[in-house]
């Protein structure tokens, strides 16, 4: 499973590297996306639901992540 951590300071929305990683993920490949921005995290979950992809949510303090297989 590949992990993308968007918790670093970015000059743009953390959704950009998250969606980029999603697009680069091949069918059957696992991906974990870690965020610390609640609004972007909710948008990411909404995107995955719209794509029909089930996911697992993990909360660790201010860090949130989703794990899924594309």
N, C-alpha and C. Protein backbone atom coordinates (compact mmCIF):
# COMPACT_ATOMS: atom_id res chain seq x y z
N UNK A 1 0.86 -1.17 0.00
CA UNK A 1 0.00 0.00 0.00
C UNK A 1 0.90 1.23 0.00
N UNK A 2 0.62 2.14 -0.91
CA UNK A 2 1.36 3.38 -1.00
C UNK A 2 0.71 4.42 -0.09
N UNK A 3 1.53 5.26 0.56
CA UNK A 3 1.03 6.30 1.46
C UNK A 3 1.41 7.67 0.92
N UNK A 4 0.44 8.59 0.93
CA UNK A 4 0.66 9.98 0.55
C UNK A 4 0.31 10.83 1.76
N UNK A 5 1.29 11.55 2.29
CA UNK A 5 1.09 12.39 3.47
C UNK A 5 0.99 13.84 3.02
N UNK A 6 -0.19 14.44 3.20
CA UNK A 6 -0.40 15.83 2.78
C UNK A 6 -0.34 16.77 3.98
N UNK A 7 0.20 16.31 5.11
CA UNK A 7 0.25 17.14 6.32
C UNK A 7 1.36 18.18 6.29
N UNK A 8 2.26 18.08 5.34
CA UNK A 8 3.31 19.09 5.23
C UNK A 8 2.69 20.41 4.77
N UNK A 9 3.35 21.49 5.02
CA UNK A 9 2.84 22.80 4.60
C UNK A 9 2.92 22.90 3.09
N UNK A 10 1.77 23.12 2.48
CA UNK A 10 1.68 23.23 1.03
C UNK A 10 1.17 24.62 0.66
N UNK A 11 1.64 25.17 -0.45
CA UNK A 11 1.13 26.47 -0.88
C UNK A 11 -0.23 26.36 -1.57
N UNK A 12 -0.80 25.15 -1.59
CA UNK A 12 -2.08 24.91 -2.26
C UNK A 12 -2.86 23.87 -1.46
N UNK A 13 -4.04 23.56 -1.89
CA UNK A 13 -4.92 22.62 -1.19
C UNK A 13 -4.30 21.23 -1.12
N UNK A 14 -4.45 20.54 0.02
CA UNK A 14 -3.95 19.17 0.13
C UNK A 14 -4.73 18.20 -0.77
N UNK A 15 -5.84 18.66 -1.33
CA UNK A 15 -6.58 17.80 -2.25
C UNK A 15 -5.81 17.56 -3.55
N UNK A 16 -4.96 18.48 -3.93
CA UNK A 16 -4.24 18.34 -5.19
C UNK A 16 -3.33 17.11 -5.18
N UNK A 17 -2.44 16.94 -4.19
CA UNK A 17 -1.64 15.71 -4.20
C UNK A 17 -2.47 14.46 -3.92
N UNK A 18 -3.58 14.60 -3.18
CA UNK A 18 -4.44 13.45 -2.90
C UNK A 18 -5.10 12.94 -4.18
N UNK A 19 -5.68 13.85 -4.96
CA UNK A 19 -6.35 13.45 -6.20
C UNK A 19 -5.32 12.97 -7.22
N UNK A 20 -4.16 13.61 -7.24
CA UNK A 20 -3.10 13.17 -8.15
C UNK A 20 -2.70 11.72 -7.85
N UNK A 21 -2.52 11.41 -6.57
CA UNK A 21 -2.17 10.05 -6.18
C UNK A 21 -3.28 9.08 -6.57
N UNK A 22 -4.54 9.49 -6.39
CA UNK A 22 -5.67 8.65 -6.78
C UNK A 22 -5.61 8.35 -8.27
N UNK A 23 -5.36 9.38 -9.07
CA UNK A 23 -5.32 9.20 -10.53
C UNK A 23 -4.16 8.30 -10.97
N UNK A 24 -3.05 8.34 -10.24
CA UNK A 24 -1.88 7.53 -10.58
C UNK A 24 -1.98 6.10 -10.08
N UNK A 25 -2.93 5.84 -9.20
CA UNK A 25 -3.11 4.50 -8.63
C UNK A 25 -3.78 3.59 -9.65
N UNK A 26 -3.21 2.42 -9.81
CA UNK A 26 -3.77 1.43 -10.75
C UNK A 26 -4.89 0.64 -10.08
N UNK A 27 -5.81 0.11 -10.87
CA UNK A 27 -6.85 -0.75 -10.31
C UNK A 27 -6.22 -1.92 -9.53
N UNK A 28 -6.73 -2.16 -8.34
CA UNK A 28 -6.23 -3.23 -7.48
C UNK A 28 -5.11 -2.78 -6.54
N UNK A 29 -4.59 -1.58 -6.75
CA UNK A 29 -3.51 -1.06 -5.90
C UNK A 29 -4.11 -0.36 -4.68
N UNK A 30 -3.45 -0.50 -3.53
CA UNK A 30 -3.89 0.13 -2.29
C UNK A 30 -3.26 1.50 -2.12
N UNK A 31 -4.00 2.41 -1.50
CA UNK A 31 -3.52 3.76 -1.28
C UNK A 31 -4.02 4.26 0.07
N UNK A 32 -3.13 4.92 0.80
CA UNK A 32 -3.49 5.60 2.04
C UNK A 32 -3.16 7.07 1.86
N UNK A 33 -4.13 7.93 2.18
CA UNK A 33 -3.93 9.37 2.09
C UNK A 33 -4.11 9.95 3.48
N UNK A 34 -3.08 10.63 3.96
CA UNK A 34 -3.06 11.20 5.30
C UNK A 34 -3.23 12.71 5.19
N UNK A 35 -4.11 13.27 6.02
CA UNK A 35 -4.38 14.71 6.00
C UNK A 35 -4.50 15.24 7.42
N UNK A 36 -4.36 16.55 7.55
CA UNK A 36 -4.64 17.22 8.82
C UNK A 36 -5.56 18.42 8.60
N UNK A 37 -6.22 18.46 7.46
CA UNK A 37 -7.16 19.52 7.10
C UNK A 37 -8.56 18.91 7.04
N UNK A 38 -9.41 19.16 8.05
CA UNK A 38 -10.73 18.51 8.10
C UNK A 38 -11.61 18.80 6.89
N UNK A 39 -11.57 20.02 6.37
CA UNK A 39 -12.42 20.35 5.22
C UNK A 39 -11.99 19.56 3.98
N UNK A 40 -10.69 19.52 3.73
CA UNK A 40 -10.18 18.77 2.58
C UNK A 40 -10.44 17.28 2.77
N UNK A 41 -10.32 16.80 4.01
CA UNK A 41 -10.57 15.38 4.30
C UNK A 41 -12.01 15.01 3.96
N UNK A 42 -12.95 15.87 4.36
CA UNK A 42 -14.36 15.61 4.04
C UNK A 42 -14.60 15.65 2.54
N UNK A 43 -13.95 16.58 1.85
CA UNK A 43 -14.08 16.65 0.39
C UNK A 43 -13.52 15.39 -0.27
N UNK A 44 -12.40 14.89 0.24
CA UNK A 44 -11.81 13.66 -0.30
C UNK A 44 -12.74 12.48 -0.11
N UNK A 45 -13.33 12.36 1.08
CA UNK A 45 -14.27 11.25 1.33
C UNK A 45 -15.47 11.35 0.40
N UNK A 46 -15.97 12.55 0.19
CA UNK A 46 -17.10 12.75 -0.72
C UNK A 46 -16.73 12.34 -2.14
N UNK A 47 -15.52 12.69 -2.56
CA UNK A 47 -15.04 12.30 -3.89
C UNK A 47 -15.00 10.77 -4.03
N UNK A 48 -14.46 10.09 -3.01
CA UNK A 48 -14.37 8.63 -3.07
C UNK A 48 -15.75 7.99 -3.12
N UNK A 49 -16.70 8.52 -2.37
CA UNK A 49 -18.07 8.00 -2.40
C UNK A 49 -18.65 8.18 -3.81
N UNK A 50 -18.44 9.36 -4.41
CA UNK A 50 -18.94 9.61 -5.76
C UNK A 50 -18.32 8.65 -6.78
N UNK A 51 -17.09 8.21 -6.52
CA UNK A 51 -16.41 7.27 -7.42
C UNK A 51 -16.81 5.82 -7.13
N UNK A 52 -17.61 5.60 -6.09
CA UNK A 52 -18.04 4.26 -5.73
C UNK A 52 -16.95 3.43 -5.07
N UNK A 53 -16.01 4.10 -4.40
CA UNK A 53 -14.89 3.41 -3.77
C UNK A 53 -15.10 3.39 -2.26
N UNK A 54 -15.12 2.20 -1.70
CA UNK A 54 -15.21 2.06 -0.25
C UNK A 54 -13.87 2.36 0.37
N UNK A 55 -13.86 2.86 1.59
CA UNK A 55 -12.62 3.23 2.24
C UNK A 55 -12.73 3.05 3.74
N UNK A 56 -11.59 3.04 4.37
CA UNK A 56 -11.48 2.94 5.83
C UNK A 56 -10.96 4.28 6.34
N UNK A 57 -11.62 4.84 7.35
CA UNK A 57 -11.20 6.10 7.95
C UNK A 57 -10.41 5.81 9.23
N UNK A 58 -9.31 6.52 9.42
CA UNK A 58 -8.50 6.37 10.63
C UNK A 58 -8.24 7.76 11.19
N UNK A 59 -8.47 7.92 12.49
CA UNK A 59 -8.26 9.20 13.15
C UNK A 59 -7.20 9.03 14.24
N UNK A 60 -6.15 9.85 14.17
CA UNK A 60 -5.08 9.83 15.17
C UNK A 60 -4.77 11.27 15.55
N UNK A 61 -5.42 11.78 16.58
CA UNK A 61 -5.24 13.18 16.97
C UNK A 61 -5.72 14.09 15.85
N UNK A 62 -4.85 14.96 15.38
CA UNK A 62 -5.22 15.89 14.30
C UNK A 62 -5.01 15.28 12.92
N UNK A 63 -4.43 14.10 12.87
CA UNK A 63 -4.17 13.43 11.58
C UNK A 63 -5.33 12.49 11.26
N UNK A 64 -5.78 12.55 10.03
CA UNK A 64 -6.86 11.69 9.55
C UNK A 64 -6.37 11.00 8.29
N UNK A 65 -6.79 9.78 8.08
CA UNK A 65 -6.38 9.11 6.84
C UNK A 65 -7.52 8.23 6.32
N UNK A 66 -7.46 8.01 5.03
CA UNK A 66 -8.34 7.05 4.38
C UNK A 66 -7.46 6.01 3.71
N UNK A 67 -7.90 4.77 3.78
CA UNK A 67 -7.22 3.68 3.10
C UNK A 67 -8.24 3.01 2.20
N UNK A 68 -7.80 2.70 0.99
CA UNK A 68 -8.70 2.05 0.04
C UNK A 68 -7.90 1.33 -1.02
N UNK A 69 -8.59 0.46 -1.72
CA UNK A 69 -8.04 -0.20 -2.89
C UNK A 69 -8.86 0.26 -4.07
N UNK A 70 -8.15 0.74 -5.07
CA UNK A 70 -8.83 1.28 -6.25
C UNK A 70 -9.33 0.16 -7.15
